[in-house]
Amino acid sequence: MNSIADIGGMEGFGPVTPEQNEPVFHEEWERRCFGMFLTSAAAIGYGVDEFRHGMESLPPVHYLSASYYEHWLGAYEKIFADRAVILPEELEQRVAALKREEQANA
């Protein structure tokens, strides 16, 4: 099965330009996102294959424009919604609240 993640060897995406001395995490939310994997996988009962499927299920345009840990967030969103851990409406409400908070603090 091919997915948007299977683009190795394809041309037209421009050069890969690795960041010199790139940190493992660029922002604190990325560290937290990484840390969520083992705890949520143990609590909910999913594995690496389901997690990867969640990432590869992102819409292609979003997948190509998102950062590495944004792919992880997409996987969490899919798995948590599929297992009714959080409803899509609850997630939308929380994102809207965080955006309002961010704007108020700007």
PDB file of N, CA and C in Angstrom:
ATOM      1  N   MET A   1       0.841  -1.180   0.000  1.00  0.00           N
ATOM      2  CA  MET A   1       0.000   0.000   0.000  1.00  0.00           C
ATOM      3  C   MET A   1       0.880   1.235   0.000  1.00  0.00           C
ATOM      4  N   ASN A   2       0.641   2.132  -0.890  1.00  0.00           N
ATOM      5  CA  ASN A   2       1.371   3.390  -0.920  1.00  0.00           C
ATOM      6  C   ASN A   2       0.573   4.473  -0.211  1.00  0.00           C
ATOM      7  N   SER A   3       1.290   5.333   0.483  1.00  0.00           N
ATOM      8  CA  SER A   3       0.656   6.470   1.138  1.00  0.00           C
ATOM      9  C   SER A   3       1.531   7.693   0.898  1.00  0.00           C
ATOM     10  N   ILE A   4       1.104   8.811   1.405  1.00  0.00           N
ATOM     11  CA  ILE A   4       1.853  10.051   1.233  1.00  0.00           C
ATOM     12  C   ILE A   4       3.238   9.936   1.863  1.00  0.00           C
ATOM     13  N   ALA A   5       3.402   9.057   2.835  1.00  0.00           N
ATOM     14  CA  ALA A   5       4.709   8.897   3.487  1.00  0.00           C
ATOM     15  C   ALA A   5       5.696   8.128   2.609  1.00  0.00           C
ATOM     16  N   ASP A   6       5.213   7.468   1.562  1.00  0.00           N
ATOM     17  CA  ASP A   6       6.069   6.650   0.699  1.00  0.00           C
ATOM     18  C   ASP A   6       6.556   7.453  -0.504  1.00  0.00           C
ATOM     19  N   ILE A   7       7.281   8.532  -0.252  1.00  0.00           N
ATOM     20  CA  ILE A   7       7.742   9.389  -1.347  1.00  0.00           C
ATOM     21  C   ILE A   7       9.249   9.322  -1.539  1.00  0.00           C
ATOM     22  N   GLY A   8       9.891   8.397  -0.859  1.00  0.00           N
ATOM     23  CA  GLY A   8      11.336   8.248  -0.995  1.00  0.00           C
ATOM     24  C   GLY A   8      11.724   8.015  -2.443  1.00  0.00           C
ATOM     25  N   GLY A   9      12.711   8.752  -2.928  1.00  0.00           N
ATOM     26  CA  GLY A   9      13.178   8.601  -4.297  1.00  0.00           C
ATOM     27  C   GLY A   9      12.424   9.423  -5.314  1.00  0.00           C
ATOM     28  N   MET A  10      11.319  10.049  -4.899  1.00  0.00           N
ATOM     29  CA  MET A  10      10.567  10.882  -5.838  1.00  0.00           C
ATOM     30  C   MET A  10      11.284  12.210  -6.003  1.00  0.00           C
ATOM     31  N   GLU A  11      11.138  12.789  -7.166  1.00  0.00           N
ATOM     32  CA  GLU A  11      11.769  14.072  -7.451  1.00  0.00           C
ATOM     33  C   GLU A  11      10.756  15.202  -7.367  1.00  0.00           C
ATOM     34  N   GLY A  12      11.265  16.417  -7.290  1.00  0.00           N
ATOM     35  CA  GLY A  12      10.408  17.595  -7.302  1.00  0.00           C
ATOM     36  C   GLY A  12      10.081  18.175  -5.949  1.00  0.00           C
ATOM     37  N   PHE A  13      10.636  17.616  -4.894  1.00  0.00           N
ATOM     38  CA  PHE A  13      10.367  18.133  -3.557  1.00  0.00           C
ATOM     39  C   PHE A  13      11.485  19.040  -3.051  1.00  0.00           C
ATOM     40  N   GLY A  14      12.469  19.295  -3.878  1.00  0.00           N
ATOM     41  CA  GLY A  14      13.568  20.169  -3.487  1.00  0.00           C
ATOM     42  C   GLY A  14      14.605  19.427  -2.667  1.00  0.00           C
ATOM     43  N   PRO A  15      15.702  20.114  -2.381  1.00  0.00           N
ATOM     44  CA  PRO A  15      16.784  19.458  -1.643  1.00  0.00           C
ATOM     45  C   PRO A  15      16.439  19.282  -0.167  1.00  0.00           C
ATOM     46  N   VAL A  16      17.039  18.292   0.430  1.00  0.00           N
ATOM     47  CA  VAL A  16      16.944  18.112   1.878  1.00  0.00           C
ATOM     48  C   VAL A  16      18.065  18.940   2.483  1.00  0.00           C
ATOM     49  N   THR A  17      17.698  19.873   3.324  1.00  0.00           N
ATOM     50  CA  THR A  17      18.697  20.753   3.933  1.00  0.00           C
ATOM     51  C   THR A  17      18.632  20.590   5.452  1.00  0.00           C
ATOM     52  N   PRO A  18      19.410  19.654   5.981  1.00  0.00           N
ATOM     53  CA  PRO A  18      19.377  19.451   7.433  1.00  0.00           C
ATOM     54  C   PRO A  18      19.898  20.673   8.181  1.00  0.00           C
ATOM     55  N   GLU A  19      19.280  20.918   9.301  1.00  0.00           N
ATOM     56  CA  GLU A  19      19.665  22.030  10.161  1.00  0.00           C
ATOM     57  C   GLU A  19      20.937  21.650  10.914  1.00  0.00           C
ATOM     58  N   GLN A  20      21.933  22.513  10.903  1.00  0.00           N
ATOM     59  CA  GLN A  20      23.170  22.262  11.645  1.00  0.00           C
ATOM     60  C   GLN A  20      22.864  22.231  13.140  1.00  0.00           C
ATOM     61  N   ASN A  21      23.374  21.214  13.833  1.00  0.00           N
ATOM     62  CA  ASN A  21      23.178  21.077  15.285  1.00  0.00           C
ATOM     63  C   ASN A  21      21.702  21.153  15.687  1.00  0.00           C
ATOM     64  N   GLU A  22      20.878  20.526  14.879  1.00  0.00           N
ATOM     65  CA  GLU A  22      19.441  20.582  15.125  1.00  0.00           C
ATOM     66  C   GLU A  22      19.102  19.964  16.482  1.00  0.00           C
ATOM     67  N   PRO A  23      18.302  20.665  17.282  1.00  0.00           N
ATOM     68  CA  PRO A  23      17.904  20.090  18.570  1.00  0.00           C
ATOM     69  C   PRO A  23      16.874  18.986  18.353  1.00  0.00           C
ATOM     70  N   VAL A  24      16.770  18.099  19.302  1.00  0.00           N
ATOM     71  CA  VAL A  24      15.769  17.033  19.212  1.00  0.00           C
ATOM     72  C   VAL A  24      14.371  17.640  19.214  1.00  0.00           C
ATOM     73  N   PHE A  25      14.177  18.641  20.043  1.00  0.00           N
ATOM     74  CA  PHE A  25      12.882  19.311  20.145  1.00  0.00           C
ATOM     75  C   PHE A  25      13.100  20.803  19.926  1.00  0.00           C
ATOM     76  N   HIS A  26      12.319  21.383  19.018  1.00  0.00           N
ATOM     77  CA  HIS A  26      12.423  22.816  18.768  1.00  0.00           C
ATOM     78  C   HIS A  26      11.602  23.627  19.771  1.00  0.00           C
ATOM     79  N   GLU A  27      10.523  23.027  20.256  1.00  0.00           N
ATOM     80  CA  GLU A  27       9.645  23.714  21.200  1.00  0.00           C
ATOM     81  C   GLU A  27       9.204  22.723  22.275  1.00  0.00           C
ATOM     82  N   GLU A  28       8.770  23.244  23.404  1.00  0.00           N
ATOM     83  CA  GLU A  28       8.381  22.391  24.529  1.00  0.00           C
ATOM     84  C   GLU A  28       7.223  21.462  24.166  1.00  0.00           C
ATOM     85  N   TRP A  29       6.289  21.906  23.340  1.00  0.00           N
ATOM     86  CA  TRP A  29       5.157  21.050  22.995  1.00  0.00           C
ATOM     87  C   TRP A  29       5.622  19.791  22.251  1.00  0.00           C
ATOM     88  N   GLU A  30       6.725  19.872  21.524  1.00  0.00           N
ATOM     89  CA  GLU A  30       7.243  18.699  20.819  1.00  0.00           C
ATOM     90  C   GLU A  30       7.752  17.654  21.826  1.00  0.00           C
ATOM     91  N   ARG A  31       8.409  18.114  22.861  1.00  0.00           N
ATOM     92  CA  ARG A  31       8.882  17.209  23.925  1.00  0.00           C
ATOM     93  C   ARG A  31       7.688  16.498  24.575  1.00  0.00           C
ATOM     94  N   ARG A  32       6.642  17.249  24.847  1.00  0.00           N
ATOM     95  CA  ARG A  32       5.449  16.668  25.459  1.00  0.00           C
ATOM     96  C   ARG A  32       4.776  15.674  24.520  1.00  0.00           C
ATOM     97  N   CYS A  33       4.731  16.025  23.247  1.00  0.00           N
ATOM     98  CA  CYS A  33       4.137  15.154  22.234  1.00  0.00           C
ATOM     99  C   CYS A  33       4.879  13.823  22.188  1.00  0.00           C
ATOM    100  N   PHE A  34       6.187  13.884  22.219  1.00  0.00           N
ATOM    101  CA  PHE A  34       7.013  12.678  22.237  1.00  0.00           C
ATOM    102  C   PHE A  34       6.711  11.845  23.487  1.00  0.00           C
ATOM    103  N   GLY A  35       6.637  12.517  24.615  1.00  0.00           N
ATOM    104  CA  GLY A  35       6.399  11.831  25.876  1.00  0.00           C
ATOM    105  C   GLY A  35       5.030  11.173  25.984  1.00  0.00           C
ATOM    106  N   MET A  36       4.089  11.644  25.211  1.00  0.00           N
ATOM    107  CA  MET A  36       2.737  11.083  25.255  1.00  0.00           C
ATOM    108  C   MET A  36       2.661   9.674  24.677  1.00  0.00           C
ATOM    109  N   PHE A  37       3.616   9.318  23.823  1.00  0.00           N
ATOM    110  CA  PHE A  37       3.465   8.063  23.087  1.00  0.00           C
ATOM    111  C   PHE A  37       3.350   6.850  24.008  1.00  0.00           C
ATOM    112  N   LEU A  38       4.351   6.609  24.826  1.00  0.00           N
ATOM    113  CA  LEU A  38       4.332   5.389  25.654  1.00  0.00           C
ATOM    114  C   LEU A  38       3.179   5.377  26.653  1.00  0.00           C
ATOM    115  N   THR A  39       2.927   6.527  27.262  1.00  0.00           N
ATOM    116  CA  THR A  39       1.865   6.553  28.269  1.00  0.00           C
ATOM    117  C   THR A  39       0.487   6.350  27.632  1.00  0.00           C
ATOM    118  N   SER A  40       0.234   7.020  26.508  1.00  0.00           N
ATOM    119  CA  SER A  40      -1.080   6.855  25.885  1.00  0.00           C
ATOM    120  C   SER A  40      -1.216   5.488  25.227  1.00  0.00           C
ATOM    121  N   ALA A  41      -0.137   4.970  24.646  1.00  0.00           N
ATOM    122  CA  ALA A  41      -0.197   3.635  24.043  1.00  0.00           C
ATOM    123  C   ALA A  41      -0.505   2.583  25.102  1.00  0.00           C
ATOM    124  N   ALA A  42       0.113   2.712  26.263  1.00  0.00           N
ATOM    125  CA  ALA A  42      -0.142   1.756  27.344  1.00  0.00           C
ATOM    126  C   ALA A  42      -1.561   1.906  27.887  1.00  0.00           C
ATOM    127  N   ALA A  43      -2.006   3.136  28.043  1.00  0.00           N
ATOM    128  CA  ALA A  43      -3.325   3.377  28.623  1.00  0.00           C
ATOM    129  C   ALA A  43      -4.463   2.993  27.669  1.00  0.00           C
ATOM    130  N   ILE A  44      -4.275   3.261  26.393  1.00  0.00           N
ATOM    131  CA  ILE A  44      -5.350   3.054  25.420  1.00  0.00           C
ATOM    132  C   ILE A  44      -5.212   1.708  24.713  1.00  0.00           C
ATOM    133  N   GLY A  45      -3.981   1.243  24.566  1.00  0.00           N
ATOM    134  CA  GLY A  45      -3.761  -0.057  23.970  1.00  0.00           C
ATOM    135  C   GLY A  45      -3.539  -0.053  22.475  1.00  0.00           C
ATOM    136  N   TYR A  46      -2.803   0.911  21.960  1.00  0.00           N
ATOM    137  CA  TYR A  46      -2.449   0.907  20.540  1.00  0.00           C
ATOM    138  C   TYR A  46      -0.952   0.678  20.404  1.00  0.00           C
ATOM    139  N   GLY A  47      -0.537   0.352  19.204  1.00  0.00           N
ATOM    140  CA  GLY A  47       0.870   0.075  18.962  1.00  0.00           C
ATOM    141  C   GLY A  47       1.454   0.964  17.881  1.00  0.00           C
ATOM    142  N   VAL A  48       2.687   0.691  17.560  1.00  0.00           N
ATOM    143  CA  VAL A  48       3.426   1.495  16.589  1.00  0.00           C
ATOM    144  C   VAL A  48       2.754   1.469  15.221  1.00  0.00           C
ATOM    145  N   ASP A  49       2.245   0.307  14.813  1.00  0.00           N
ATOM    146  CA  ASP A  49       1.618   0.210  13.494  1.00  0.00           C
ATOM    147  C   ASP A  49       0.382   1.102  13.391  1.00  0.00           C
ATOM    148  N   GLU A  50      -0.453   1.086  14.422  1.00  0.00           N
ATOM    149  CA  GLU A  50      -1.644   1.933  14.412  1.00  0.00           C
ATOM    150  C   GLU A  50      -1.244   3.409  14.459  1.00  0.00           C
ATOM    151  N   PHE A  51      -0.202   3.705  15.202  1.00  0.00           N
ATOM    152  CA  PHE A  51       0.282   5.083  15.295  1.00  0.00           C
ATOM    153  C   PHE A  51       0.767   5.563  13.922  1.00  0.00           C
ATOM    154  N   ARG A  52       1.569   4.734  13.255  1.00  0.00           N
ATOM    155  CA  ARG A  52       2.056   5.111  11.928  1.00  0.00           C
ATOM    156  C   ARG A  52       0.881   5.272  10.959  1.00  0.00           C
ATOM    157  N   HIS A  53      -0.087   4.374  11.029  1.00  0.00           N
ATOM    158  CA  HIS A  53      -1.265   4.497  10.169  1.00  0.00           C
ATOM    159  C   HIS A  53      -1.972   5.831  10.423  1.00  0.00           C
ATOM    160  N   GLY A  54      -2.040   6.238  11.675  1.00  0.00           N
ATOM    161  CA  GLY A  54      -2.649   7.530  12.003  1.00  0.00           C
ATOM    162  C   GLY A  54      -1.922   8.679  11.332  1.00  0.00           C
ATOM    163  N   MET A  55      -0.590   8.626  11.342  1.00  0.00           N
ATOM    164  CA  MET A  55       0.189   9.683  10.675  1.00  0.00           C
ATOM    165  C   MET A  55      -0.041   9.653   9.171  1.00  0.00           C
ATOM    166  N   GLU A  56      -0.039   8.464   8.595  1.00  0.00           N
ATOM    167  CA  GLU A  56      -0.176   8.334   7.150  1.00  0.00           C
ATOM    168  C   GLU A  56      -1.594   8.586   6.667  1.00  0.00           C
ATOM    169  N   SER A  57      -2.538   8.702   7.596  1.00  0.00           N
ATOM    170  CA  SER A  57      -3.919   9.000   7.235  1.00  0.00           C
ATOM    171  C   SER A  57      -4.187  10.497   7.121  1.00  0.00           C
ATOM    172  N   LEU A  58      -3.187  11.304   7.470  1.00  0.00           N
ATOM    173  CA  LEU A  58      -3.366  12.749   7.333  1.00  0.00           C
ATOM    174  C   LEU A  58      -3.599  13.098   5.870  1.00  0.00           C
ATOM    175  N   PRO A  59      -4.388  14.125   5.591  1.00  0.00           N
ATOM    176  CA  PRO A  59      -4.544  14.564   4.200  1.00  0.00           C
ATOM    177  C   PRO A  59      -3.170  14.901   3.614  1.00  0.00           C
ATOM    178  N   PRO A  60      -2.903  14.506   2.367  1.00  0.00           N
ATOM    179  CA  PRO A  60      -1.570  14.692   1.775  1.00  0.00           C
ATOM    180  C   PRO A  60      -1.009  16.109   1.872  1.00  0.00           C
ATOM    181  N   VAL A  61      -1.822  17.120   1.615  1.00  0.00           N
ATOM    182  CA  VAL A  61      -1.312  18.496   1.674  1.00  0.00           C
ATOM    183  C   VAL A  61      -0.882  18.835   3.095  1.00  0.00           C
ATOM    184  N   HIS A  62      -1.671  18.426   4.067  1.00  0.00           N
ATOM    185  CA  HIS A  62      -1.310  18.680   5.468  1.00  0.00           C
ATOM    186  C   HIS A  62      -0.047  17.903   5.835  1.00  0.00           C
ATOM    187  N   TYR A  63       0.029  16.644   5.417  1.00  0.00           N
ATOM    188  CA  TYR A  63       1.196  15.820   5.722  1.00  0.00           C
ATOM    189  C   TYR A  63       2.473  16.478   5.206  1.00  0.00           C
ATOM    190  N   LEU A  64       2.428  16.973   3.984  1.00  0.00           N
ATOM    191  CA  LEU A  64       3.624  17.564   3.371  1.00  0.00           C
ATOM    192  C   LEU A  64       3.994  18.917   3.962  1.00  0.00           C
ATOM    193  N   SER A  65       3.027  19.620   4.537  1.00  0.00           N
ATOM    194  CA  SER A  65       3.314  20.953   5.078  1.00  0.00           C
ATOM    195  C   SER A  65       3.527  20.939   6.593  1.00  0.00           C
ATOM    196  N   ALA A  66       3.254  19.819   7.227  1.00  0.00           N
ATOM    197  CA  ALA A  66       3.349  19.729   8.687  1.00  0.00           C
ATOM    198  C   ALA A  66       4.754  19.333   9.123  1.00  0.00           C
ATOM    199  N   SER A  67       5.073  19.694  10.352  1.00  0.00           N
ATOM    200  CA  SER A  67       6.354  19.292  10.930  1.00  0.00           C
ATOM    201  C   SER A  67       6.270  17.845  11.420  1.00  0.00           C
ATOM    202  N   TYR A  68       7.411  17.318  11.789  1.00  0.00           N
ATOM    203  CA  TYR A  68       7.496  15.930  12.258  1.00  0.00           C
ATOM    204  C   TYR A  68       6.527  15.663  13.405  1.00  0.00           C
ATOM    205  N   TYR A  69       6.561  16.500  14.424  1.00  0.00           N
ATOM    206  CA  TYR A  69       5.699  16.256  15.575  1.00  0.00           C
ATOM    207  C   TYR A  69       4.246  16.636  15.311  1.00  0.00           C
ATOM    208  N   GLU A  70       3.983  17.454  14.311  1.00  0.00           N
ATOM    209  CA  GLU A  70       2.600  17.674  13.904  1.00  0.00           C
ATOM    210  C   GLU A  70       2.019  16.390  13.315  1.00  0.00           C
ATOM    211  N   HIS A  71       2.853  15.575  12.684  1.00  0.00           N
ATOM    212  CA  HIS A  71       2.398  14.253  12.226  1.00  0.00           C
ATOM    213  C   HIS A  71       1.983  13.420  13.439  1.00  0.00           C
ATOM    214  N   TRP A  72       2.770  13.486  14.491  1.00  0.00           N
ATOM    215  CA  TRP A  72       2.437  12.747  15.715  1.00  0.00           C
ATOM    216  C   TRP A  72       1.098  13.224  16.273  1.00  0.00           C
ATOM    217  N   LEU A  73       0.879  14.538  16.306  1.00  0.00           N
ATOM    218  CA  LEU A  73      -0.390  15.064  16.813  1.00  0.00           C
ATOM    219  C   LEU A  73      -1.562  14.536  15.990  1.00  0.00           C
ATOM    220  N   GLY A  74      -1.379  14.487  14.662  1.00  0.00           N
ATOM    221  CA  GLY A  74      -2.431  13.953  13.799  1.00  0.00           C
ATOM    222  C   GLY A  74      -2.743  12.498  14.124  1.00  0.00           C
ATOM    223  N   ALA A  75      -1.702  11.720  14.421  1.00  0.00           N
ATOM    224  CA  ALA A  75      -1.912  10.320  14.791  1.00  0.00           C
ATOM    225  C   ALA A  75      -2.682  10.220  16.106  1.00  0.00           C
ATOM    226  N   TYR A  76      -2.285  11.022  17.096  1.00  0.00           N
ATOM    227  CA  TYR A  76      -3.013  11.017  18.366  1.00  0.00           C
ATOM    228  C   TYR A  76      -4.480  11.380  18.152  1.00  0.00           C
ATOM    229  N   GLU A  77      -4.720  12.423  17.369  1.00  0.00           N
ATOM    230  CA  GLU A  77      -6.095  12.859  17.125  1.00  0.00           C
ATOM    231  C   GLU A  77      -6.921  11.734  16.524  1.00  0.00           C
ATOM    232  N   LYS A  78      -6.368  11.036  15.534  1.00  0.00           N
ATOM    233  CA  LYS A  78      -7.109   9.950  14.883  1.00  0.00           C
ATOM    234  C   LYS A  78      -7.359   8.802  15.851  1.00  0.00           C
ATOM    235  N   ILE A  79      -6.327   8.359  16.528  1.00  0.00           N
ATOM    236  CA  ILE A  79      -6.474   7.221  17.447  1.00  0.00           C
ATOM    237  C   ILE A  79      -7.433   7.566  18.578  1.00  0.00           C
ATOM    238  N   PHE A  80      -7.270   8.731  19.177  1.00  0.00           N
ATOM    239  CA  PHE A  80      -8.123   9.116  20.297  1.00  0.00           C
ATOM    240  C   PHE A  80      -9.586   9.253  19.852  1.00  0.00           C
ATOM    241  N   ALA A  81      -9.802   9.789  18.642  1.00  0.00           N
ATOM    242  CA  ALA A  81     -11.167   9.906  18.132  1.00  0.00           C
ATOM    243  C   ALA A  81     -11.736   8.530  17.801  1.00  0.00           C
ATOM    244  N   ASP A  82     -10.947   7.676  17.143  1.00  0.00           N
ATOM    245  CA  ASP A  82     -11.411   6.330  16.794  1.00  0.00           C
ATOM    246  C   ASP A  82     -11.802   5.534  18.018  1.00  0.00           C
ATOM    247  N   ARG A  83     -11.110   5.760  19.124  1.00  0.00           N
ATOM    248  CA  ARG A  83     -11.368   4.999  20.351  1.00  0.00           C
ATOM    249  C   ARG A  83     -12.252   5.766  21.341  1.00  0.00           C
ATOM    250  N   ALA A  84     -12.806   6.888  20.875  1.00  0.00           N
ATOM    251  CA  ALA A  84     -13.726   7.708  21.677  1.00  0.00           C
ATOM    252  C   ALA A  84     -13.108   8.185  22.977  1.00  0.00           C
ATOM    253  N   VAL A  85     -11.795   8.402  22.968  1.00  0.00           N
ATOM    254  CA  VAL A  85     -11.119   8.992  24.122  1.00  0.00           C
ATOM    255  C   VAL A  85     -11.462  10.466  24.195  1.00  0.00           C
ATOM    256  N   ILE A  86     -11.515  11.089  23.043  1.00  0.00           N
ATOM    257  CA  ILE A  86     -11.933  12.485  22.940  1.00  0.00           C
ATOM    258  C   ILE A  86     -12.750  12.623  21.670  1.00  0.00           C
ATOM    259  N   LEU A  87     -13.840  13.329  21.756  1.00  0.00           N
ATOM    260  CA  LEU A  87     -14.684  13.544  20.583  1.00  0.00           C
ATOM    261  C   LEU A  87     -14.100  14.675  19.740  1.00  0.00           C
ATOM    262  N   PRO A  88     -14.269  14.608  18.430  1.00  0.00           N
ATOM    263  CA  PRO A  88     -13.751  15.682  17.573  1.00  0.00           C
ATOM    264  C   PRO A  88     -14.230  17.074  18.010  1.00  0.00           C
ATOM    265  N   GLU A  89     -15.478  17.155  18.484  1.00  0.00           N
ATOM    266  CA  GLU A  89     -16.009  18.453  18.932  1.00  0.00           C
ATOM    267  C   GLU A  89     -15.254  18.959  20.159  1.00  0.00           C
ATOM    268  N   GLU A  90     -14.913  18.063  21.060  1.00  0.00           N
ATOM    269  CA  GLU A  90     -14.150  18.435  22.258  1.00  0.00           C
ATOM    270  C   GLU A  90     -12.767  18.945  21.871  1.00  0.00           C
ATOM    271  N   LEU A  91     -12.146  18.284  20.917  1.00  0.00           N
ATOM    272  CA  LEU A  91     -10.834  18.713  20.445  1.00  0.00           C
ATOM    273  C   LEU A  91     -10.925  20.097  19.812  1.00  0.00           C
ATOM    274  N   GLU A  92     -11.927  20.312  18.969  1.00  0.00           N
ATOM    275  CA  GLU A  92     -12.104  21.617  18.331  1.00  0.00           C
ATOM    276  C   GLU A  92     -12.311  22.711  19.376  1.00  0.00           C
ATOM    277  N   GLN A  93     -13.099  22.427  20.402  1.00  0.00           N
ATOM    278  CA  GLN A  93     -13.336  23.407  21.464  1.00  0.00           C
ATOM    279  C   GLN A  93     -12.040  23.734  22.201  1.00  0.00           C
ATOM    280  N   ARG A  94     -11.243  22.714  22.483  1.00  0.00           N
ATOM    281  CA  ARG A  94      -9.980  22.934  23.204  1.00  0.00           C
ATOM    282  C   ARG A  94      -9.001  23.732  22.366  1.00  0.00           C
ATOM    283  N   VAL A  95      -8.906  23.420  21.075  1.00  0.00           N
ATOM    284  CA  VAL A  95      -8.024  24.176  20.173  1.00  0.00           C
ATOM    285  C   VAL A  95      -8.469  25.630  20.107  1.00  0.00           C
ATOM    286  N   ALA A  96      -9.767  25.868  20.000  1.00  0.00           N
ATOM    287  CA  ALA A  96     -10.284  27.239  19.958  1.00  0.00           C
ATOM    288  C   ALA A  96      -9.954  27.980  21.252  1.00  0.00           C
ATOM    289  N   ALA A  97     -10.095  27.312  22.388  1.00  0.00           N
ATOM    290  CA  ALA A  97      -9.773  27.938  23.675  1.00  0.00           C
ATOM    291  C   ALA A  97      -8.284  28.285  23.762  1.00  0.00           C
ATOM    292  N   LEU A  98      -7.422  27.380  23.286  1.00  0.00           N
ATOM    293  CA  LEU A  98      -5.974  27.652  23.305  1.00  0.00           C
ATOM    294  C   LEU A  98      -5.624  28.814  22.382  1.00  0.00           C
ATOM    295  N   LYS A  99      -6.287  28.913  21.240  1.00  0.00           N
ATOM    296  CA  LYS A  99      -6.042  30.037  20.327  1.00  0.00           C
ATOM    297  C   LYS A  99      -6.459  31.351  20.966  1.00  0.00           C
ATOM    298  N   ARG A 100      -7.605  31.350  21.644  1.00  0.00           N
ATOM    299  CA  ARG A 100      -8.047  32.573  22.337  1.00  0.00           C
ATOM    300  C   ARG A 100      -7.047  32.965  23.426  1.00  0.00           C
ATOM    301  N   GLU A 101      -6.582  31.983  24.162  1.00  0.00           N
ATOM    302  CA  GLU A 101      -5.604  32.235  25.224  1.00  0.00           C
ATOM    303  C   GLU A 101      -4.309  32.794  24.644  1.00  0.00           C
ATOM    304  N   GLU A 102      -3.869  32.215  23.537  1.00  0.00           N
ATOM    305  CA  GLU A 102      -2.640  32.677  22.880  1.00  0.00           C
ATOM    306  C   GLU A 102      -2.791  34.127  22.395  1.00  0.00           C
ATOM    307  N   GLN A 103      -3.940  34.444  21.827  1.00  0.00           N
ATOM    308  CA  GLN A 103      -4.194  35.809  21.346  1.00  0.00           C
ATOM    309  C   GLN A 103      -4.255  36.795  22.504  1.00  0.00           C
ATOM    310  N   ALA A 104      -4.823  36.379  23.607  1.00  0.00           N
ATOM    311  CA  ALA A 104      -4.922  37.256  24.773  1.00  0.00           C
ATOM    312  C   ALA A 104      -3.544  37.536  25.370  1.00  0.00           C
ATOM    313  N   ASN A 105      -2.649  36.584  25.257  1.00  0.00           N
ATOM    314  CA  ASN A 105      -1.294  36.737  25.806  1.00  0.00           C
ATOM    315  C   ASN A 105      -0.330  37.393  24.830  1.00  0.00           C
ATOM    316  N   ALA A 106      -0.772  37.634  23.604  1.00  0.00           N
ATOM    317  CA  ALA A 106       0.130  38.224  22.590  1.00  0.00           C
ATOM    318  C   ALA A 106       0.273  39.721  22.742  1.00  0.00           C
TER     319      ALA A 106
END
